[in-house]
Amino acid sequence: MGTWLYFFKEAVRGFYQAKLMTFVSIVSIAVSLFFMNCLFVVFVNVNGMLQRGTDQADLAVYLREHAADDSGSVAELTGRIGALKSVKQVHYIGKDAAWDRFAAIYGNEMLESVDDNPLPASLEIYLKDGSRSQEDARRLADLLGGYDEVESVRYSREWIDLVKRFQIAFWLLAFVAAVVIVFILYFMISNTIKLTIYARKELVAHMQVVGATAFFVQMPFLLEGVLQGFVGGVLSIGGIVIVRVLLLHFSIDWGPKWLSMSVILVGVVFGWLGSSGAVRKFLV
């Protein structure tokens, strides 16, 4: 126990000896972890939004009034479309359901100005995975547009493909940003520990002369890096708490509850890795 207390005291002493660089390092770690946390939150929310976009129907078929009023005609048309080899699912959306959906998305204000329900009944069509290309969807839209029961067809496959391309681009951007943040964390911690080792090089040399083990010499510096990562992680969580309070009235998914602890853990891990890199270079 006394040995570990000595290690901890020496780690804190390293904080003091290189206090300016330590301060810069901790602030850099805190800012990096803060932006990493924010990046994860943005990723969760954007990915959820894009996923909802790709989950929408490939085609929406709007029915004529006479067809929508005849349940038998609707059932027959639904079965006919569902039997097509490229179609995976067909969902019927009645006029009342269309009204409720419009009100949920846009509010009731726009609908209060009309006496009757102006929204048409429709069929939402989902295509099979092998038939979801723009050409397949456009070909099916042309076919359905010729049915007597169909008023019009809205083709959304092009928009969905655009959303998917944006989703891939966003994932790549998030990955590059994460790599940059990881590099900053490692670089700042490693260089701070290098300065601490340099400032205490005479003490290290004396300890090695009298036969101190490598573990005994290296551990205070490793703990110093861990402490830097821990303090930076705690400060980053404080920043996130402030942001959450400021954005309390916005509908934002802040990720799982374990995210805060994982940010601190990331700081500790990179504190260990950064200090290990410096120790291997100067003390081995």
Protein backbone atom coordinates (compact mmCIF):
# COMPACT_ATOMS: atom_id res chain seq x y z
CA MET A 1 0.00 0.00 0.00
CA GLY A 2 2.84 2.37 0.91
CA THR A 3 4.48 1.78 -2.48
CA TRP A 4 1.36 2.74 -4.40
CA LEU A 5 0.93 5.81 -2.19
CA TYR A 6 4.47 6.79 -3.18
CA PHE A 7 3.62 6.25 -6.86
CA PHE A 8 0.56 8.47 -6.52
CA LYS A 9 2.48 11.23 -4.72
CA GLU A 10 5.15 11.19 -7.41
CA ALA A 11 2.47 11.37 -10.12
CA VAL A 12 0.96 14.44 -8.44
CA ARG A 13 4.43 15.88 -8.09
CA GLY A 14 4.85 15.48 -11.85
CA PHE A 15 1.66 17.52 -12.26
CA TYR A 16 3.28 20.34 -10.32
CA GLN A 17 6.70 20.23 -11.96
CA ALA A 18 5.33 20.58 -15.48
CA LYS A 19 2.23 22.48 -14.44
CA LEU A 20 1.90 24.62 -17.58
CA MET A 21 2.27 21.68 -19.95
CA THR A 22 0.08 19.56 -17.70
CA PHE A 23 -2.62 22.24 -17.74
CA VAL A 24 -2.44 22.48 -21.53
CA SER A 25 -2.54 18.70 -21.81
CA ILE A 26 -5.57 18.32 -19.52
CA VAL A 27 -7.46 21.08 -21.32
CA SER A 28 -6.61 19.48 -24.67
CA ILE A 29 -7.77 16.09 -23.41
CA ALA A 30 -10.98 17.59 -22.02
CA VAL A 31 -11.73 19.43 -25.27
CA SER A 32 -10.90 16.36 -27.37
CA LEU A 33 -13.10 14.08 -25.26
CA PHE A 34 -15.85 16.71 -25.27
CA PHE A 35 -15.85 16.82 -29.05
CA MET A 36 -15.63 13.03 -29.21
CA ASN A 37 -18.74 12.87 -27.01
CA CYS A 38 -20.48 15.49 -29.15
CA LEU A 39 -19.45 13.57 -32.28
CA PHE A 40 -21.05 10.43 -30.88
CA VAL A 41 -24.25 12.32 -30.02
CA VAL A 42 -24.38 13.84 -33.51
CA PHE A 43 -23.73 10.41 -34.99
CA VAL A 44 -26.59 8.86 -32.99
CA ASN A 45 -29.05 11.59 -33.96
CA VAL A 46 -28.05 11.91 -37.62
CA ASN A 47 -27.92 8.16 -38.06
CA GLY A 48 -31.38 7.85 -36.51
CA MET A 49 -32.72 10.55 -38.81
CA LEU A 50 -31.17 8.94 -41.87
CA GLN A 51 -32.43 5.53 -40.81
CA ARG A 52 -35.96 6.88 -40.56
CA GLY A 53 -35.49 8.31 -44.04
CA THR A 54 -34.40 4.99 -45.51
CA ASP A 55 -37.22 3.14 -43.75
CA GLN A 56 -39.90 5.04 -45.63
CA ALA A 57 -41.84 3.43 -48.46
CA ASP A 58 -40.20 3.23 -51.89
CA LEU A 59 -43.41 4.28 -53.63
CA ALA A 60 -46.67 5.87 -52.52
CA VAL A 61 -49.68 5.10 -54.73
CA TYR A 62 -52.56 7.57 -54.30
CA LEU A 63 -55.98 6.14 -55.05
CA ARG A 64 -58.91 7.71 -56.85
CA GLU A 65 -61.90 8.61 -54.72
CA HIS A 66 -64.16 5.89 -56.11
CA ALA A 67 -61.56 3.19 -55.53
CA ALA A 68 -60.79 4.33 -51.96
CA ASP A 69 -64.49 4.17 -51.04
CA ASP A 70 -64.78 0.55 -52.20
CA SER A 71 -63.09 -1.78 -49.70
CA GLY A 72 -63.30 -4.66 -52.14
CA SER A 73 -61.52 -2.66 -54.81
CA VAL A 74 -58.82 -1.67 -52.34
CA ALA A 75 -58.32 -5.29 -51.25
CA GLU A 76 -58.16 -6.48 -54.86
CA LEU A 77 -55.65 -3.79 -55.84
CA THR A 78 -53.52 -4.47 -52.75
CA GLY A 79 -53.39 -8.16 -53.58
CA ARG A 80 -52.60 -7.49 -57.22
CA ILE A 81 -49.69 -5.20 -56.38
CA GLY A 82 -48.45 -7.46 -53.60
CA ALA A 83 -48.22 -10.34 -56.08
CA LEU A 84 -45.70 -8.48 -58.24
CA LYS A 85 -42.28 -10.10 -58.01
CA SER A 86 -40.46 -6.88 -57.07
CA VAL A 87 -42.85 -5.96 -54.23
CA LYS A 88 -42.05 -6.93 -50.65
CA GLN A 89 -44.93 -5.31 -48.74
CA VAL A 90 -47.98 -3.18 -49.40
CA HIS A 91 -49.61 -1.08 -46.66
CA TYR A 92 -52.98 0.62 -47.07
CA ILE A 93 -53.26 4.12 -45.60
CA GLY A 94 -56.88 5.29 -45.37
CA LYS A 95 -58.00 8.89 -45.46
CA ASP A 96 -58.42 9.06 -41.68
CA ALA A 97 -54.97 7.53 -41.10
CA ALA A 98 -53.47 10.02 -43.59
CA TRP A 99 -55.16 12.86 -41.67
CA ASP A 100 -53.75 11.64 -38.34
CA ARG A 101 -50.25 11.23 -39.80
CA PHE A 102 -50.31 14.72 -41.34
CA ALA A 103 -51.47 16.24 -38.05
CA ALA A 104 -48.74 14.42 -36.11
CA ILE A 105 -46.02 15.74 -38.42
CA TYR A 106 -47.24 19.26 -39.30
CA GLY A 107 -49.82 20.03 -36.62
CA ASN A 108 -53.56 20.62 -36.88
CA GLU A 109 -53.37 24.31 -37.86
CA MET A 110 -53.23 23.65 -41.60
CA LEU A 111 -56.12 21.19 -41.43
CA GLU A 112 -58.40 23.43 -39.39
CA SER A 113 -59.00 25.65 -42.43
CA VAL A 114 -60.73 22.85 -44.39
CA ASP A 115 -64.16 21.31 -43.73
CA ASP A 116 -63.57 17.87 -45.23
CA ASN A 117 -60.55 15.61 -45.25
CA PRO A 118 -58.62 16.56 -48.43
CA LEU A 119 -56.01 13.85 -48.11
CA PRO A 120 -56.28 10.83 -50.42
CA ALA A 121 -56.08 7.19 -49.42
CA SER A 122 -52.88 5.55 -50.56
CA LEU A 123 -50.86 2.38 -50.75
CA GLU A 124 -47.29 2.43 -49.45
CA ILE A 125 -45.11 -0.03 -51.36
CA TYR A 126 -41.85 -1.51 -50.11
CA LEU A 127 -39.64 -3.23 -52.66
CA LYS A 128 -37.53 -6.33 -52.25
CA ASP A 129 -33.80 -5.83 -51.67
CA GLY A 130 -32.92 -7.04 -55.14
CA SER A 131 -35.41 -4.69 -56.79
CA ARG A 132 -34.66 -1.39 -55.07
CA SER A 133 -32.66 0.28 -57.81
CA GLN A 134 -33.89 3.55 -59.29
CA GLU A 135 -34.61 1.83 -62.59
CA ASP A 136 -36.73 -0.93 -60.98
CA ALA A 137 -38.68 1.55 -58.88
CA ARG A 138 -39.27 3.89 -61.82
CA ARG A 139 -40.43 0.98 -63.98
CA LEU A 140 -42.90 -0.11 -61.30
CA ALA A 141 -44.12 3.47 -60.87
CA ASP A 142 -44.88 3.68 -64.58
CA LEU A 143 -46.76 0.37 -64.41
CA LEU A 144 -48.87 1.38 -61.42
CA GLY A 145 -49.62 4.78 -62.93
CA GLY A 146 -51.58 3.00 -65.66
CA TYR A 147 -54.03 1.34 -63.23
CA ASP A 148 -57.59 2.73 -63.29
CA GLU A 149 -57.76 2.92 -59.50
CA VAL A 150 -54.57 4.99 -59.25
CA GLU A 151 -54.64 8.78 -59.23
CA SER A 152 -50.87 9.28 -59.06
CA VAL A 153 -47.65 7.64 -57.91
CA ARG A 154 -44.96 9.32 -55.82
CA TYR A 155 -41.55 7.84 -56.43
CA SER A 156 -39.10 8.30 -53.53
CA ARG A 157 -36.35 5.83 -54.44
CA GLU A 158 -34.03 8.56 -55.73
CA TRP A 159 -34.30 10.46 -52.44
CA ILE A 160 -33.67 7.29 -50.44
CA ASP A 161 -30.54 6.52 -52.47
CA LEU A 162 -29.32 10.07 -51.87
CA VAL A 163 -29.90 9.64 -48.12
CA LYS A 164 -27.90 6.41 -48.14
CA ARG A 165 -24.98 8.08 -49.92
CA PHE A 166 -25.04 10.89 -47.39
CA GLN A 167 -25.13 8.31 -44.59
CA ILE A 168 -21.96 6.62 -45.89
CA ALA A 169 -20.22 9.99 -46.27
CA PHE A 170 -21.20 10.95 -42.73
CA TRP A 171 -19.84 7.67 -41.34
CA LEU A 172 -16.52 8.24 -43.09
CA LEU A 173 -16.33 11.82 -41.81
CA ALA A 174 -17.09 10.67 -38.26
CA PHE A 175 -14.37 8.00 -38.50
CA VAL A 176 -11.77 10.51 -39.72
CA ALA A 177 -12.70 12.95 -36.94
CA ALA A 178 -12.41 10.19 -34.34
CA VAL A 179 -8.95 9.22 -35.64
CA VAL A 180 -7.80 12.85 -35.41
CA ILE A 181 -9.09 13.13 -31.84
CA VAL A 182 -7.34 9.89 -30.86
CA PHE A 183 -4.06 11.21 -32.30
CA ILE A 184 -4.43 14.46 -30.33
CA LEU A 185 -5.06 12.57 -27.09
CA TYR A 186 -2.01 10.36 -27.53
CA PHE A 187 0.25 13.21 -28.67
CA MET A 188 -0.63 15.59 -25.83
CA ILE A 189 -0.30 13.05 -23.03
CA SER A 190 2.88 11.52 -24.42
CA ASN A 191 4.62 14.86 -24.79
CA THR A 192 3.63 16.01 -21.31
CA ILE A 193 5.09 12.86 -19.76
CA LYS A 194 8.26 13.29 -21.84
CA LEU A 195 8.73 16.76 -20.32
CA THR A 196 8.12 15.39 -16.85
CA ILE A 197 10.70 12.65 -17.37
CA TYR A 198 13.18 15.19 -18.68
CA ALA A 199 12.60 17.48 -15.68
CA ARG A 200 13.30 14.58 -13.31
CA LYS A 201 16.05 12.88 -15.28
CA GLU A 202 18.61 13.24 -12.49
CA LEU A 203 16.29 11.59 -9.95
CA VAL A 204 15.54 8.79 -12.41
CA ALA A 205 19.25 8.29 -13.04
CA HIS A 206 19.98 8.06 -9.30
CA MET A 207 17.16 5.56 -8.80
CA GLN A 208 18.51 3.39 -11.59
CA VAL A 209 22.03 3.56 -10.12
CA VAL A 210 20.88 2.33 -6.69
CA GLY A 211 19.06 -0.61 -8.32
CA ALA A 212 15.42 0.52 -8.51
CA THR A 213 13.40 -1.78 -10.73
CA ALA A 214 11.97 -0.57 -14.04
CA PHE A 215 8.47 -0.96 -12.61
CA PHE A 216 9.33 1.28 -9.64
CA VAL A 217 10.84 3.96 -11.88
CA GLN A 218 8.16 3.92 -14.56
CA MET A 219 4.94 3.60 -12.55
CA PRO A 220 4.72 7.24 -11.31
CA PHE A 221 4.91 8.49 -14.89
CA LEU A 222 2.30 5.99 -16.03
CA LEU A 223 -0.03 7.07 -13.23
CA GLU A 224 0.55 10.71 -14.14
CA GLY A 225 -0.72 10.03 -17.65
CA VAL A 226 -3.72 8.16 -16.24
CA LEU A 227 -4.50 11.09 -13.91
CA GLN A 228 -4.34 13.50 -16.82
CA GLY A 229 -6.76 11.37 -18.80
CA PHE A 230 -9.09 11.00 -15.81
CA VAL A 231 -9.19 14.72 -15.01
CA GLY A 232 -9.67 15.57 -18.69
CA GLY A 233 -12.52 13.06 -18.89
CA VAL A 234 -14.25 14.52 -15.83
CA LEU A 235 -13.95 18.05 -17.24
CA SER A 236 -15.36 16.92 -20.59
CA ILE A 237 -18.39 15.39 -18.83
CA GLY A 238 -18.89 18.71 -17.03
CA GLY A 239 -18.96 20.44 -20.43
CA ILE A 240 -21.52 17.96 -21.74
CA VAL A 241 -23.73 18.52 -18.67
CA ILE A 242 -23.67 22.27 -19.32
CA VAL A 243 -24.59 21.75 -22.98
CA ARG A 244 -27.44 19.40 -22.02
CA VAL A 245 -28.84 22.01 -19.64
CA LEU A 246 -28.64 24.70 -22.33
CA LEU A 247 -30.36 22.41 -24.88
CA LEU A 248 -32.86 20.97 -22.41
CA HIS A 249 -35.89 22.00 -24.49
CA PHE A 250 -34.61 20.41 -27.70
CA SER A 251 -35.42 16.84 -28.63
CA ILE A 252 -31.94 15.32 -28.70
CA ASP A 253 -30.91 11.72 -28.16
CA TRP A 254 -27.88 11.94 -25.86
CA GLY A 255 -27.00 8.28 -26.24
CA PRO A 256 -26.89 5.51 -23.63
CA LYS A 257 -26.48 6.22 -19.94
CA TRP A 258 -23.04 4.58 -19.86
CA LEU A 259 -21.64 7.14 -22.31
CA SER A 260 -20.35 9.47 -19.57
CA MET A 261 -18.41 6.72 -17.84
CA SER A 262 -17.05 5.49 -21.17
CA VAL A 263 -15.68 8.98 -21.93
CA ILE A 264 -13.76 8.96 -18.64
CA LEU A 265 -12.56 5.43 -19.40
CA VAL A 266 -11.32 6.54 -22.83
CA GLY A 267 -9.40 9.36 -21.14
CA VAL A 268 -7.82 6.93 -18.68
CA VAL A 269 -6.92 4.42 -21.40
CA PHE A 270 -5.26 7.03 -23.59
CA GLY A 271 -3.56 8.48 -20.54
CA TRP A 272 -2.00 5.07 -19.98
CA LEU A 273 -1.13 4.60 -23.65
CA GLY A 274 0.37 8.07 -24.03
CA SER A 275 2.48 7.78 -20.90
CA SER A 276 3.53 4.24 -21.90
CA GLY A 277 4.80 5.57 -25.21
CA ALA A 278 6.87 8.22 -23.48
CA VAL A 279 8.20 5.76 -20.88
CA ARG A 280 9.21 3.22 -23.52
CA LYS A 281 11.12 5.88 -25.41
CA PHE A 282 12.99 7.48 -22.48
CA LEU A 283 13.16 4.92 -19.69
CA VAL A 284 13.64 1.55 -21.40
